[in-house]
Amino acid sequence: MHPLLPQPVKTSHILLSYPLSVRGLITFFRSGTYDTALQKLLQEPEAHILIVYGNQDQFTAVQKYDKWVLDLKKNNKANLTTLKIDGGDHFWGSAASNELCEAVANWLSDETTPRSVPES
């Protein structure tokens, strides 16, 4: 997880089918490093994070994702968006891939739209 870059660079993060159940194996049992980085990022009010997962993931049960998302939302200061897509699996080869692409495109569009600054 890369930290936020200094202004004027706007950094956004997308966690797609984050491998909760096998994370320890694929990180050589260093998953705490990733947990710490994500928790730090969640405390940054300038952070923009999208988490997308499907309810048919082959590696992580949807109940585990749902609990993880609820835990992440506690004491969160970042701009966190979460999305669970019906029919989405880990590899997004199903028809749910269209919904995934649309959701990411919409989120990115919202993230890159300049915000108007109120006039004083």
PDB file of N, CA and C in Angstrom:
ATOM      1  N   MET A   1       0.855  -1.153   0.000  1.00  0.00           N
ATOM      2  CA  MET A   1       0.000   0.000   0.000  1.00  0.00           C
ATOM      3  C   MET A   1       0.905   1.220   0.000  1.00  0.00           C
ATOM      4  N   HIS A   2       0.844   1.978  -1.040  1.00  0.00           N
ATOM      5  CA  HIS A   2       1.677   3.171  -1.143  1.00  0.00           C
ATOM      6  C   HIS A   2       1.035   4.305  -0.358  1.00  0.00           C
ATOM      7  N   PRO A   3       1.831   5.056   0.413  1.00  0.00           N
ATOM      8  CA  PRO A   3       1.250   6.194   1.136  1.00  0.00           C
ATOM      9  C   PRO A   3       0.823   7.293   0.168  1.00  0.00           C
ATOM     10  N   LEU A   4       0.110   8.253   0.705  1.00  0.00           N
ATOM     11  CA  LEU A   4      -0.303   9.395  -0.105  1.00  0.00           C
ATOM     12  C   LEU A   4       0.927  10.155  -0.581  1.00  0.00           C
ATOM     13  N   LEU A   5       0.851  10.658  -1.787  1.00  0.00           N
ATOM     14  CA  LEU A   5       1.925  11.489  -2.323  1.00  0.00           C
ATOM     15  C   LEU A   5       1.657  12.938  -1.943  1.00  0.00           C
ATOM     16  N   PRO A   6       2.706  13.759  -1.866  1.00  0.00           N
ATOM     17  CA  PRO A   6       2.490  15.159  -1.488  1.00  0.00           C
ATOM     18  C   PRO A   6       1.660  15.905  -2.529  1.00  0.00           C
ATOM     19  N   GLN A   7       0.924  16.912  -2.063  1.00  0.00           N
ATOM     20  CA  GLN A   7       0.139  17.762  -2.958  1.00  0.00           C
ATOM     21  C   GLN A   7       1.077  18.427  -3.948  1.00  0.00           C
ATOM     22  N   PRO A   8       0.698  18.647  -5.168  1.00  0.00           N
ATOM     23  CA  PRO A   8      -0.651  18.614  -5.715  1.00  0.00           C
ATOM     24  C   PRO A   8      -1.039  17.257  -6.303  1.00  0.00           C
ATOM     25  N   VAL A   9      -0.230  16.228  -6.092  1.00  0.00           N
ATOM     26  CA  VAL A   9      -0.556  14.906  -6.630  1.00  0.00           C
ATOM     27  C   VAL A   9      -1.670  14.291  -5.786  1.00  0.00           C
ATOM     28  N   LYS A  10      -2.726  13.854  -6.450  1.00  0.00           N
ATOM     29  CA  LYS A  10      -3.834  13.200  -5.764  1.00  0.00           C
ATOM     30  C   LYS A  10      -3.668  11.699  -5.919  1.00  0.00           C
ATOM     31  N   THR A  11      -3.560  11.016  -4.797  1.00  0.00           N
ATOM     32  CA  THR A  11      -3.365   9.570  -4.794  1.00  0.00           C
ATOM     33  C   THR A  11      -4.679   8.885  -4.450  1.00  0.00           C
ATOM     34  N   SER A  12      -5.059   7.890  -5.231  1.00  0.00           N
ATOM     35  CA  SER A  12      -6.244   7.082  -4.944  1.00  0.00           C
ATOM     36  C   SER A  12      -5.817   5.626  -4.897  1.00  0.00           C
ATOM     37  N   HIS A  13      -6.518   4.846  -4.088  1.00  0.00           N
ATOM     38  CA  HIS A  13      -6.198   3.430  -3.926  1.00  0.00           C
ATOM     39  C   HIS A  13      -7.428   2.589  -4.241  1.00  0.00           C
ATOM     40  N   ILE A  14      -7.215   1.508  -4.987  1.00  0.00           N
ATOM     41  CA  ILE A  14      -8.278   0.544  -5.275  1.00  0.00           C
ATOM     42  C   ILE A  14      -7.810  -0.819  -4.791  1.00  0.00           C
ATOM     43  N   LEU A  15      -8.591  -1.427  -3.928  1.00  0.00           N
ATOM     44  CA  LEU A  15      -8.338  -2.788  -3.476  1.00  0.00           C
ATOM     45  C   LEU A  15      -9.400  -3.657  -4.126  1.00  0.00           C
ATOM     46  N   LEU A  16      -8.993  -4.469  -5.061  1.00  0.00           N
ATOM     47  CA  LEU A  16      -9.905  -5.281  -5.861  1.00  0.00           C
ATOM     48  C   LEU A  16      -9.732  -6.746  -5.491  1.00  0.00           C
ATOM     49  N   SER A  17     -10.792  -7.352  -4.992  1.00  0.00           N
ATOM     50  CA  SER A  17     -10.742  -8.762  -4.563  1.00  0.00           C
ATOM     51  C   SER A  17      -9.544  -9.000  -3.645  1.00  0.00           C
ATOM     52  N   TYR A  18      -9.387  -8.121  -2.669  1.00  0.00           N
ATOM     53  CA  TYR A  18      -8.269  -8.211  -1.728  1.00  0.00           C
ATOM     54  C   TYR A  18      -8.239  -9.615  -1.118  1.00  0.00           C
ATOM     55  N   PRO A  19      -7.133 -10.320  -1.218  1.00  0.00           N
ATOM     56  CA  PRO A  19      -7.083 -11.745  -0.826  1.00  0.00           C
ATOM     57  C   PRO A  19      -6.938 -11.957   0.682  1.00  0.00           C
ATOM     58  N   LEU A  20      -7.975 -11.661   1.434  1.00  0.00           N
ATOM     59  CA  LEU A  20      -7.908 -11.774   2.893  1.00  0.00           C
ATOM     60  C   LEU A  20      -7.498 -13.165   3.371  1.00  0.00           C
ATOM     61  N   SER A  21      -8.125 -14.186   2.852  1.00  0.00           N
ATOM     62  CA  SER A  21      -7.908 -15.541   3.379  1.00  0.00           C
ATOM     63  C   SER A  21      -6.532 -16.106   3.070  1.00  0.00           C
ATOM     64  N   VAL A  22      -5.921 -15.697   1.975  1.00  0.00           N
ATOM     65  CA  VAL A  22      -4.615 -16.252   1.595  1.00  0.00           C
ATOM     66  C   VAL A  22      -3.497 -15.210   1.684  1.00  0.00           C
ATOM     67  N   ARG A  23      -3.797 -14.065   2.250  1.00  0.00           N
ATOM     68  CA  ARG A  23      -2.823 -12.976   2.317  1.00  0.00           C
ATOM     69  C   ARG A  23      -1.543 -13.384   3.033  1.00  0.00           C
ATOM     70  N   GLY A  24      -1.655 -14.131   4.107  1.00  0.00           N
ATOM     71  CA  GLY A  24      -0.462 -14.576   4.832  1.00  0.00           C
ATOM     72  C   GLY A  24       0.466 -15.394   3.957  1.00  0.00           C
ATOM     73  N   LEU A  25      -0.098 -16.280   3.153  1.00  0.00           N
ATOM     74  CA  LEU A  25       0.720 -17.111   2.271  1.00  0.00           C
ATOM     75  C   LEU A  25       1.379 -16.308   1.160  1.00  0.00           C
ATOM     76  N   ILE A  26       0.628 -15.414   0.534  1.00  0.00           N
ATOM     77  CA  ILE A  26       1.196 -14.691  -0.605  1.00  0.00           C
ATOM     78  C   ILE A  26       2.114 -13.545  -0.182  1.00  0.00           C
ATOM     79  N   THR A  27       2.120 -13.205   1.109  1.00  0.00           N
ATOM     80  CA  THR A  27       3.039 -12.169   1.603  1.00  0.00           C
ATOM     81  C   THR A  27       4.140 -12.786   2.464  1.00  0.00           C
ATOM     82  N   PHE A  28       4.291 -14.101   2.365  1.00  0.00           N
ATOM     83  CA  PHE A  28       5.293 -14.812   3.163  1.00  0.00           C
ATOM     84  C   PHE A  28       5.124 -14.511   4.651  1.00  0.00           C
ATOM     85  N   PHE A  29       3.855 -14.538   5.092  1.00  0.00           N
ATOM     86  CA  PHE A  29       3.469 -14.377   6.490  1.00  0.00           C
ATOM     87  C   PHE A  29       3.819 -12.999   7.055  1.00  0.00           C
ATOM     88  N   ARG A  30       3.801 -11.999   6.193  1.00  0.00           N
ATOM     89  CA  ARG A  30       4.049 -10.619   6.614  1.00  0.00           C
ATOM     90  C   ARG A  30       2.795  -9.766   6.423  1.00  0.00           C
ATOM     91  N   SER A  31       1.628 -10.355   6.629  1.00  0.00           N
ATOM     92  CA  SER A  31       0.388  -9.621   6.381  1.00  0.00           C
ATOM     93  C   SER A  31       0.219  -8.438   7.332  1.00  0.00           C
ATOM     94  N   GLY A  32       0.876  -8.471   8.483  1.00  0.00           N
ATOM     95  CA  GLY A  32       0.797  -7.362   9.425  1.00  0.00           C
ATOM     96  C   GLY A  32       1.300  -6.064   8.816  1.00  0.00           C
ATOM     97  N   THR A  33       2.281  -6.156   7.938  1.00  0.00           N
ATOM     98  CA  THR A  33       2.811  -4.978   7.251  1.00  0.00           C
ATOM     99  C   THR A  33       1.715  -4.306   6.439  1.00  0.00           C
ATOM    100  N   TYR A  34       0.911  -5.117   5.751  1.00  0.00           N
ATOM    101  CA  TYR A  34      -0.162  -4.584   4.923  1.00  0.00           C
ATOM    102  C   TYR A  34      -1.310  -4.062   5.778  1.00  0.00           C
ATOM    103  N   ASP A  35      -1.604  -4.751   6.884  1.00  0.00           N
ATOM    104  CA  ASP A  35      -2.637  -4.265   7.798  1.00  0.00           C
ATOM    105  C   ASP A  35      -2.266  -2.892   8.348  1.00  0.00           C
ATOM    106  N   THR A  36      -1.021  -2.756   8.771  1.00  0.00           N
ATOM    107  CA  THR A  36      -0.555  -1.487   9.333  1.00  0.00           C
ATOM    108  C   THR A  36      -0.634  -0.371   8.302  1.00  0.00           C
ATOM    109  N   ALA A  37      -0.203  -0.645   7.080  1.00  0.00           N
ATOM    110  CA  ALA A  37      -0.238   0.372   6.020  1.00  0.00           C
ATOM    111  C   ALA A  37      -1.669   0.791   5.715  1.00  0.00           C
ATOM    112  N   LEU A  38      -2.584  -0.173   5.667  1.00  0.00           N
ATOM    113  CA  LEU A  38      -3.976   0.159   5.381  1.00  0.00           C
ATOM    114  C   LEU A  38      -4.587   0.956   6.531  1.00  0.00           C
ATOM    115  N   GLN A  39      -4.308   0.559   7.762  1.00  0.00           N
ATOM    116  CA  GLN A  39      -4.854   1.291   8.910  1.00  0.00           C
ATOM    117  C   GLN A  39      -4.332   2.731   8.941  1.00  0.00           C
ATOM    118  N   LYS A  40      -3.066   2.911   8.608  1.00  0.00           N
ATOM    119  CA  LYS A  40      -2.492   4.257   8.548  1.00  0.00           C
ATOM    120  C   LYS A  40      -3.178   5.079   7.454  1.00  0.00           C
ATOM    121  N   LEU A  41      -3.380   4.458   6.296  1.00  0.00           N
ATOM    122  CA  LEU A  41      -4.041   5.136   5.188  1.00  0.00           C
ATOM    123  C   LEU A  41      -5.465   5.538   5.553  1.00  0.00           C
ATOM    124  N   LEU A  42      -6.164   4.684   6.277  1.00  0.00           N
ATOM    125  CA  LEU A  42      -7.541   4.966   6.680  1.00  0.00           C
ATOM    126  C   LEU A  42      -7.643   6.145   7.645  1.00  0.00           C
ATOM    127  N   GLN A  43      -6.536   6.530   8.238  1.00  0.00           N
ATOM    128  CA  GLN A  43      -6.532   7.668   9.164  1.00  0.00           C
ATOM    129  C   GLN A  43      -6.217   8.988   8.463  1.00  0.00           C
ATOM    130  N   GLU A  44      -5.957   8.933   7.165  1.00  0.00           N
ATOM    131  CA  GLU A  44      -5.643  10.129   6.380  1.00  0.00           C
ATOM    132  C   GLU A  44      -6.926  10.704   5.765  1.00  0.00           C
ATOM    133  N   PRO A  45      -7.381  11.885   6.204  1.00  0.00           N
ATOM    134  CA  PRO A  45      -8.602  12.467   5.639  1.00  0.00           C
ATOM    135  C   PRO A  45      -8.509  12.720   4.133  1.00  0.00           C
ATOM    136  N   GLU A  46      -7.305  12.868   3.595  1.00  0.00           N
ATOM    137  CA  GLU A  46      -7.136  13.124   2.162  1.00  0.00           C
ATOM    138  C   GLU A  46      -7.128  11.837   1.338  1.00  0.00           C
ATOM    139  N   ALA A  47      -7.124  10.686   1.995  1.00  0.00           N
ATOM    140  CA  ALA A  47      -7.049   9.402   1.284  1.00  0.00           C
ATOM    141  C   ALA A  47      -8.373   9.075   0.597  1.00  0.00           C
ATOM    142  N   HIS A  48      -8.270   8.535  -0.607  1.00  0.00           N
ATOM    143  CA  HIS A  48      -9.433   8.104  -1.389  1.00  0.00           C
ATOM    144  C   HIS A  48      -9.230   6.629  -1.682  1.00  0.00           C
ATOM    145  N   ILE A  49     -10.118   5.799  -1.145  1.00  0.00           N
ATOM    146  CA  ILE A  49      -9.945   4.349  -1.216  1.00  0.00           C
ATOM    147  C   ILE A  49     -11.236   3.708  -1.712  1.00  0.00           C
ATOM    148  N   LEU A  50     -11.098   2.815  -2.681  1.00  0.00           N
ATOM    149  CA  LEU A  50     -12.219   2.014  -3.170  1.00  0.00           C
ATOM    150  C   LEU A  50     -11.883   0.553  -2.905  1.00  0.00           C
ATOM    151  N   ILE A  51     -12.791  -0.136  -2.248  1.00  0.00           N
ATOM    152  CA  ILE A  51     -12.657  -1.579  -2.027  1.00  0.00           C
ATOM    153  C   ILE A  51     -13.805  -2.261  -2.746  1.00  0.00           C
ATOM    154  N   VAL A  52     -13.473  -3.160  -3.667  1.00  0.00           N
ATOM    155  CA  VAL A  52     -14.487  -3.894  -4.427  1.00  0.00           C
ATOM    156  C   VAL A  52     -14.248  -5.379  -4.242  1.00  0.00           C
ATOM    157  N   TYR A  53     -15.327  -6.103  -3.967  1.00  0.00           N
ATOM    158  CA  TYR A  53     -15.252  -7.558  -3.859  1.00  0.00           C
ATOM    159  C   TYR A  53     -16.553  -8.155  -4.349  1.00  0.00           C
ATOM    160  N   GLY A  54     -16.472  -9.401  -4.758  1.00  0.00           N
ATOM    161  CA  GLY A  54     -17.664 -10.099  -5.220  1.00  0.00           C
ATOM    162  C   GLY A  54     -18.153 -11.085  -4.181  1.00  0.00           C
ATOM    163  N   ASN A  55     -19.419 -11.429  -4.274  1.00  0.00           N
ATOM    164  CA  ASN A  55     -19.974 -12.376  -3.301  1.00  0.00           C
ATOM    165  C   ASN A  55     -19.728 -13.837  -3.700  1.00  0.00           C
ATOM    166  N   GLN A  56     -18.959 -14.053  -4.772  1.00  0.00           N
ATOM    167  CA  GLN A  56     -18.642 -15.413  -5.219  1.00  0.00           C
ATOM    168  C   GLN A  56     -17.124 -15.637  -5.279  1.00  0.00           C
ATOM    169  N   ASP A  57     -16.355 -14.893  -4.482  1.00  0.00           N
ATOM    170  CA  ASP A  57     -14.895 -14.997  -4.500  1.00  0.00           C
ATOM    171  C   ASP A  57     -14.471 -16.418  -4.100  1.00  0.00           C
ATOM    172  N   GLN A  58     -13.529 -16.980  -4.856  1.00  0.00           N
ATOM    173  CA  GLN A  58     -13.075 -18.344  -4.621  1.00  0.00           C
ATOM    174  C   GLN A  58     -12.100 -18.456  -3.446  1.00  0.00           C
ATOM    175  N   PHE A  59     -11.528 -17.344  -3.001  1.00  0.00           N
ATOM    176  CA  PHE A  59     -10.510 -17.407  -1.954  1.00  0.00           C
ATOM    177  C   PHE A  59     -10.968 -16.856  -0.618  1.00  0.00           C
ATOM    178  N   THR A  60     -11.884 -15.917  -0.633  1.00  0.00           N
ATOM    179  CA  THR A  60     -12.350 -15.290   0.607  1.00  0.00           C
ATOM    180  C   THR A  60     -13.871 -15.324   0.628  1.00  0.00           C
ATOM    181  N   ALA A  61     -14.420 -15.861   1.700  1.00  0.00           N
ATOM    182  CA  ALA A  61     -15.873 -15.941   1.851  1.00  0.00           C
ATOM    183  C   ALA A  61     -16.459 -14.536   1.971  1.00  0.00           C
ATOM    184  N   VAL A  62     -17.626 -14.349   1.403  1.00  0.00           N
ATOM    185  CA  VAL A  62     -18.272 -13.041   1.415  1.00  0.00           C
ATOM    186  C   VAL A  62     -18.516 -12.569   2.851  1.00  0.00           C
ATOM    187  N   GLN A  63     -18.789 -13.490   3.774  1.00  0.00           N
ATOM    188  CA  GLN A  63     -19.003 -13.109   5.167  1.00  0.00           C
ATOM    189  C   GLN A  63     -17.724 -12.511   5.768  1.00  0.00           C
ATOM    190  N   LYS A  64     -16.586 -13.055   5.381  1.00  0.00           N
ATOM    191  CA  LYS A  64     -15.316 -12.530   5.878  1.00  0.00           C
ATOM    192  C   LYS A  64     -15.060 -11.134   5.308  1.00  0.00           C
ATOM    193  N   TYR A  65     -15.357 -10.935   4.015  1.00  0.00           N
ATOM    194  CA  TYR A  65     -15.244  -9.601   3.417  1.00  0.00           C
ATOM    195  C   TYR A  65     -16.178  -8.614   4.119  1.00  0.00           C
ATOM    196  N   ASP A  66     -17.429  -9.025   4.334  1.00  0.00           N
ATOM    197  CA  ASP A  66     -18.410  -8.130   4.957  1.00  0.00           C
ATOM    198  C   ASP A  66     -17.943  -7.675   6.339  1.00  0.00           C
ATOM    199  N   LYS A  67     -17.422  -8.603   7.127  1.00  0.00           N
ATOM    200  CA  LYS A  67     -16.928  -8.260   8.468  1.00  0.00           C
ATOM    201  C   LYS A  67     -15.716  -7.344   8.377  1.00  0.00           C
ATOM    202  N   TRP A  68     -14.813  -7.640   7.449  1.00  0.00           N
ATOM    203  CA  TRP A  68     -13.606  -6.835   7.264  1.00  0.00           C
ATOM    204  C   TRP A  68     -13.987  -5.394   6.898  1.00  0.00           C
ATOM    205  N   VAL A  69     -14.934  -5.238   5.990  1.00  0.00           N
ATOM    206  CA  VAL A  69     -15.375  -3.907   5.565  1.00  0.00           C
ATOM    207  C   VAL A  69     -15.989  -3.151   6.742  1.00  0.00           C
ATOM    208  N   LEU A  70     -16.821  -3.823   7.532  1.00  0.00           N
ATOM    209  CA  LEU A  70     -17.404  -3.163   8.710  1.00  0.00           C
ATOM    210  C   LEU A  70     -16.314  -2.708   9.666  1.00  0.00           C
ATOM    211  N   ASP A  71     -15.309  -3.544   9.880  1.00  0.00           N
ATOM    212  CA  ASP A  71     -14.199  -3.181  10.768  1.00  0.00           C
ATOM    213  C   ASP A  71     -13.409  -1.997  10.225  1.00  0.00           C
ATOM    214  N   LEU A  72     -13.196  -1.955   8.909  1.00  0.00           N
ATOM    215  CA  LEU A  72     -12.446  -0.849   8.304  1.00  0.00           C
ATOM    216  C   LEU A  72     -13.183   0.476   8.448  1.00  0.00           C
ATOM    217  N   LYS A  73     -14.495   0.428   8.442  1.00  0.00           N
ATOM    218  CA  LYS A  73     -15.293   1.654   8.519  1.00  0.00           C
ATOM    219  C   LYS A  73     -15.299   2.266   9.919  1.00  0.00           C
ATOM    220  N   LYS A  74     -14.895   1.491  10.932  1.00  0.00           N
ATOM    221  CA  LYS A  74     -14.835   2.013  12.302  1.00  0.00           C
ATOM    222  C   LYS A  74     -13.638   2.945  12.421  1.00  0.00           C
ATOM    223  N   ASN A  75     -13.855   4.115  12.959  1.00  0.00           N
ATOM    224  CA  ASN A  75     -12.799   5.107  13.175  1.00  0.00           C
ATOM    225  C   ASN A  75     -12.058   5.476  11.901  1.00  0.00           C
ATOM    226  N   ASN A  76     -12.720   5.371  10.782  1.00  0.00           N
ATOM    227  CA  ASN A  76     -12.131   5.695   9.490  1.00  0.00           C
ATOM    228  C   ASN A  76     -12.234   7.198   9.247  1.00  0.00           C
ATOM    229  N   LYS A  77     -11.120   7.811   8.820  1.00  0.00           N
ATOM    230  CA  LYS A  77     -11.132   9.241   8.491  1.00  0.00           C
ATOM    231  C   LYS A  77     -10.980   9.473   6.990  1.00  0.00           C
ATOM    232  N   ALA A  78     -10.677   8.426   6.248  1.00  0.00           N
ATOM    233  CA  ALA A  78     -10.458   8.534   4.803  1.00  0.00           C
ATOM    234  C   ALA A  78     -11.790   8.577   4.062  1.00  0.00           C
ATOM    235  N   ASN A  79     -11.715   8.905   2.797  1.00  0.00           N
ATOM    236  CA  ASN A  79     -12.864   8.835   1.905  1.00  0.00           C
ATOM    237  C   ASN A  79     -12.921   7.393   1.399  1.00  0.00           C
ATOM    238  N   LEU A  80     -13.593   6.535   2.130  1.00  0.00           N
ATOM    239  CA  LEU A  80     -13.637   5.100   1.850  1.00  0.00           C
ATOM    240  C   LEU A  80     -14.957   4.732   1.194  1.00  0.00           C
ATOM    241  N   THR A  81     -14.855   4.086   0.034  1.00  0.00           N
ATOM    242  CA  THR A  81     -16.019   3.571  -0.669  1.00  0.00           C
ATOM    243  C   THR A  81     -15.858   2.066  -0.778  1.00  0.00           C
ATOM    244  N   THR A  82     -16.904   1.324  -0.418  1.00  0.00           N
ATOM    245  CA  THR A  82     -16.859  -0.131  -0.550  1.00  0.00           C
ATOM    246  C   THR A  82     -18.012  -0.582  -1.436  1.00  0.00           C
ATOM    247  N   LEU A  83     -17.753  -1.635  -2.182  1.00  0.00           N
ATOM    248  CA  LEU A  83     -18.763  -2.139  -3.103  1.00  0.00           C
ATOM    249  C   LEU A  83     -18.682  -3.655  -3.174  1.00  0.00           C
ATOM    250  N   LYS A  84     -19.807  -4.294  -2.893  1.00  0.00           N
ATOM    251  CA  LYS A  84     -19.923  -5.744  -3.053  1.00  0.00           C
ATOM    252  C   LYS A  84     -20.769  -5.982  -4.302  1.00  0.00           C
ATOM    253  N   ILE A  85     -20.226  -6.768  -5.230  1.00  0.00           N
ATOM    254  CA  ILE A  85     -20.924  -7.003  -6.497  1.00  0.00           C
ATOM    255  C   ILE A  85     -21.441  -8.434  -6.540  1.00  0.00           C
ATOM    256  N   ASP A  86     -22.756  -8.564  -6.724  1.00  0.00           N
ATOM    257  CA  ASP A  86     -23.380  -9.886  -6.835  1.00  0.00           C
ATOM    258  C   ASP A  86     -22.839 -10.618  -8.053  1.00  0.00           C
ATOM    259  N   GLY A  87     -22.441 -11.863  -7.837  1.00  0.00           N
ATOM    260  CA  GLY A  87     -21.946 -12.693  -8.928  1.00  0.00           C
ATOM    261  C   GLY A  87     -20.472 -12.522  -9.217  1.00  0.00           C
ATOM    262  N   GLY A  88     -19.833 -11.545  -8.588  1.00  0.00           N
ATOM    263  CA  GLY A  88     -18.407 -11.314  -8.822  1.00  0.00           C
ATOM    264  C   GLY A  88     -17.564 -12.378  -8.152  1.00  0.00           C
ATOM    265  N   ASP A  89     -16.612 -12.929  -8.899  1.00  0.00           N
ATOM    266  CA  ASP A  89     -15.687 -13.879  -8.304  1.00  0.00           C
ATOM    267  C   ASP A  89     -14.304 -13.232  -8.231  1.00  0.00           C
ATOM    268  N   HIS A  90     -13.311 -13.976  -7.795  1.00  0.00           N
ATOM    269  CA  HIS A  90     -11.988 -13.397  -7.590  1.00  0.00           C
ATOM    270  C   HIS A  90     -11.361 -12.895  -8.886  1.00  0.00           C
ATOM    271  N   PHE A  91     -11.649 -13.564  -9.985  1.00  0.00           N
ATOM    272  CA  PHE A  91     -10.994 -13.247 -11.254  1.00  0.00           C
ATOM    273  C   PHE A  91     -11.856 -12.399 -12.189  1.00  0.00           C
ATOM    274  N   TRP A  92     -13.092 -12.126 -11.824  1.00  0.00           N
ATOM    275  CA  TRP A  92     -13.990 -11.246 -12.553  1.00  0.00           C
ATOM    276  C   TRP A  92     -14.161 -11.664 -14.011  1.00  0.00           C
ATOM    277  N   GLY A  93     -14.263 -12.975 -14.244  1.00  0.00           N
ATOM    278  CA  GLY A  93     -14.477 -13.462 -15.601  1.00  0.00           C
ATOM    279  C   GLY A  93     -15.940 -13.599 -15.959  1.00  0.00           C
ATOM    280  N   SER A  94     -16.808 -13.352 -15.008  1.00  0.00           N
ATOM    281  CA  SER A  94     -18.240 -13.528 -15.231  1.00  0.00           C
ATOM    282  C   SER A  94     -18.866 -12.236 -15.763  1.00  0.00           C
ATOM    283  N   ALA A  95     -20.167 -12.277 -15.917  1.00  0.00           N
ATOM    284  CA  ALA A  95     -20.909 -11.096 -16.373  1.00  0.00           C
ATOM    285  C   ALA A  95     -20.771  -9.942 -15.386  1.00  0.00           C
ATOM    286  N   ALA A  96     -20.421 -10.244 -14.132  1.00  0.00           N
ATOM    287  CA  ALA A  96     -20.244  -9.196 -13.126  1.00  0.00           C
ATOM    288  C   ALA A  96     -19.066  -8.283 -13.462  1.00  0.00           C
ATOM    289  N   SER A  97     -18.204  -8.709 -14.380  1.00  0.00           N
ATOM    290  CA  SER A  97     -17.055  -7.871 -14.751  1.00  0.00           C
ATOM    291  C   SER A  97     -17.507  -6.541 -15.365  1.00  0.00           C
ATOM    292  N   ASN A  98     -18.635  -6.545 -16.058  1.00  0.00           N
ATOM    293  CA  ASN A  98     -19.157  -5.293 -16.618  1.00  0.00           C
ATOM    294  C   ASN A  98     -19.535  -4.315 -15.511  1.00  0.00           C
ATOM    295  N   GLU A  99     -20.168  -4.840 -14.464  1.00  0.00           N
ATOM    296  CA  GLU A  99     -20.551  -3.994 -13.331  1.00  0.00           C
ATOM    297  C   GLU A  99     -19.297  -3.482 -12.611  1.00  0.00           C
ATOM    298  N   LEU A 100     -18.289  -4.343 -12.503  1.00  0.00           N
ATOM    299  CA  LEU A 100     -17.025  -3.932 -11.899  1.00  0.00           C
ATOM    300  C   LEU A 100     -16.401  -2.775 -12.680  1.00  0.00           C
ATOM    301  N   CYS A 101     -16.283  -2.933 -13.985  1.00  0.00           N
ATOM    302  CA  CYS A 101     -15.676  -1.893 -14.825  1.00  0.00           C
ATOM    303  C   CYS A 101     -16.436  -0.578 -14.719  1.00  0.00           C
ATOM    304  N   GLU A 102     -17.745  -0.663 -14.739  1.00  0.00           N
ATOM    305  CA  GLU A 102     -18.568   0.545 -14.633  1.00  0.00           C
ATOM    306  C   GLU A 102     -18.386   1.212 -13.270  1.00  0.00           C
ATOM    307  N   ALA A 103     -18.361   0.406 -12.211  1.00  0.00           N
ATOM    308  CA  ALA A 103     -18.209   0.956 -10.862  1.00  0.00           C
ATOM    309  C   ALA A 103     -16.859   1.643 -10.693  1.00  0.00           C
ATOM    310  N   VAL A 104     -15.791   1.008 -11.178  1.00  0.00           N
ATOM    311  CA  VAL A 104     -14.460   1.612 -11.071  1.00  0.00           C
ATOM    312  C   VAL A 104     -14.379   2.877 -11.915  1.00  0.00           C
ATOM    313  N   ALA A 105     -14.910   2.835 -13.126  1.00  0.00           N
ATOM    314  CA  ALA A 105     -14.893   4.013 -13.989  1.00  0.00           C
ATOM    315  C   ALA A 105     -15.652   5.174 -13.347  1.00  0.00           C
ATOM    316  N   ASN A 106     -16.808   4.890 -12.771  1.00  0.00           N
ATOM    317  CA  ASN A 106     -17.591   5.940 -12.113  1.00  0.00           C
ATOM    318  C   ASN A 106     -16.843   6.517 -10.915  1.00  0.00           C
ATOM    319  N   TRP A 107     -16.228   5.636 -10.113  1.00  0.00           N
ATOM    320  CA  TRP A 107     -15.484   6.086  -8.946  1.00  0.00           C
ATOM    321  C   TRP A 107     -14.295   6.956  -9.367  1.00  0.00           C
ATOM    322  N   LEU A 108     -13.564   6.496 -10.379  1.00  0.00           N
ATOM    323  CA  LEU A 108     -12.424   7.281 -10.859  1.00  0.00           C
ATOM    324  C   LEU A 108     -12.879   8.623 -11.425  1.00  0.00           C
ATOM    325  N   SER A 109     -13.991   8.623 -12.123  1.00  0.00           N
ATOM    326  CA  SER A 109     -14.525   9.866 -12.672  1.00  0.00           C
ATOM    327  C   SER A 109     -14.868  10.840 -11.552  1.00  0.00           C
ATOM    328  N   ASP A 110     -15.507  10.325 -10.505  1.00  0.00           N
ATOM    329  CA  ASP A 110     -15.839  11.168  -9.347  1.00  0.00           C
ATOM    330  C   ASP A 110     -14.577  11.663  -8.661  1.00  0.00           C
ATOM    331  N   GLU A 111     -13.546  10.825  -8.608  1.00  0.00           N
ATOM    332  CA  GLU A 111     -12.303  11.181  -7.933  1.00  0.00           C
ATOM    333  C   GLU A 111     -11.511  12.231  -8.692  1.00  0.00           C
ATOM    334  N   THR A 112     -11.639  12.247 -10.015  1.00  0.00           N
ATOM    335  CA  THR A 112     -10.834  13.185 -10.802  1.00  0.00           C
ATOM    336  C   THR A 112     -11.583  14.470 -11.141  1.00  0.00           C
ATOM    337  N   THR A 113     -12.871  14.501 -10.839  1.00  0.00           N
ATOM    338  CA  THR A 113     -13.640  15.712 -11.099  1.00  0.00           C
ATOM    339  C   THR A 113     -13.164  16.811 -10.156  1.00  0.00           C
ATOM    340  N   PRO A 114     -12.743  17.940 -10.697  1.00  0.00           N
ATOM    341  CA  PRO A 114     -12.297  19.026  -9.814  1.00  0.00           C
ATOM    342  C   PRO A 114     -13.420  19.469  -8.896  1.00  0.00           C
ATOM    343  N   ARG A 115     -13.087  19.668  -7.670  1.00  0.00           N
ATOM    344  CA  ARG A 115     -14.052  20.137  -6.685  1.00  0.00           C
ATOM    345  C   ARG A 115     -14.067  21.669  -6.736  1.00  0.00           C
ATOM    346  N   SER A 116     -15.257  22.222  -6.740  1.00  0.00           N
ATOM    347  CA  SER A 116     -15.330  23.682  -6.742  1.00  0.00           C
ATOM    348  C   SER A 116     -15.044  24.200  -5.328  1.00  0.00           C
ATOM    349  N   VAL A 117     -14.337  25.269  -5.267  1.00  0.00           N
ATOM    350  CA  VAL A 117     -14.021  25.889  -3.987  1.00  0.00           C
ATOM    351  C   VAL A 117     -15.022  27.018  -3.764  1.00  0.00           C
ATOM    352  N   PRO A 118     -15.709  26.999  -2.620  1.00  0.00           N
ATOM    353  CA  PRO A 118     -16.693  28.053  -2.383  1.00  0.00           C
ATOM    354  C   PRO A 118     -16.024  29.424  -2.342  1.00  0.00           C
ATOM    355  N   GLU A 119     -16.685  30.380  -2.937  1.00  0.00           N
ATOM    356  CA  GLU A 119     -16.148  31.746  -2.932  1.00  0.00           C
ATOM    357  C   GLU A 119     -16.450  32.386  -1.588  1.00  0.00           C
ATOM    358  N   SER A 120     -15.507  33.215  -1.125  1.00  0.00           N
ATOM    359  CA  SER A 120     -15.716  33.886   0.164  1.00  0.00           C
ATOM    360  C   SER A 120     -16.428  35.196  -0.018  1.00  0.00           C
TER     361      SER A 120
END
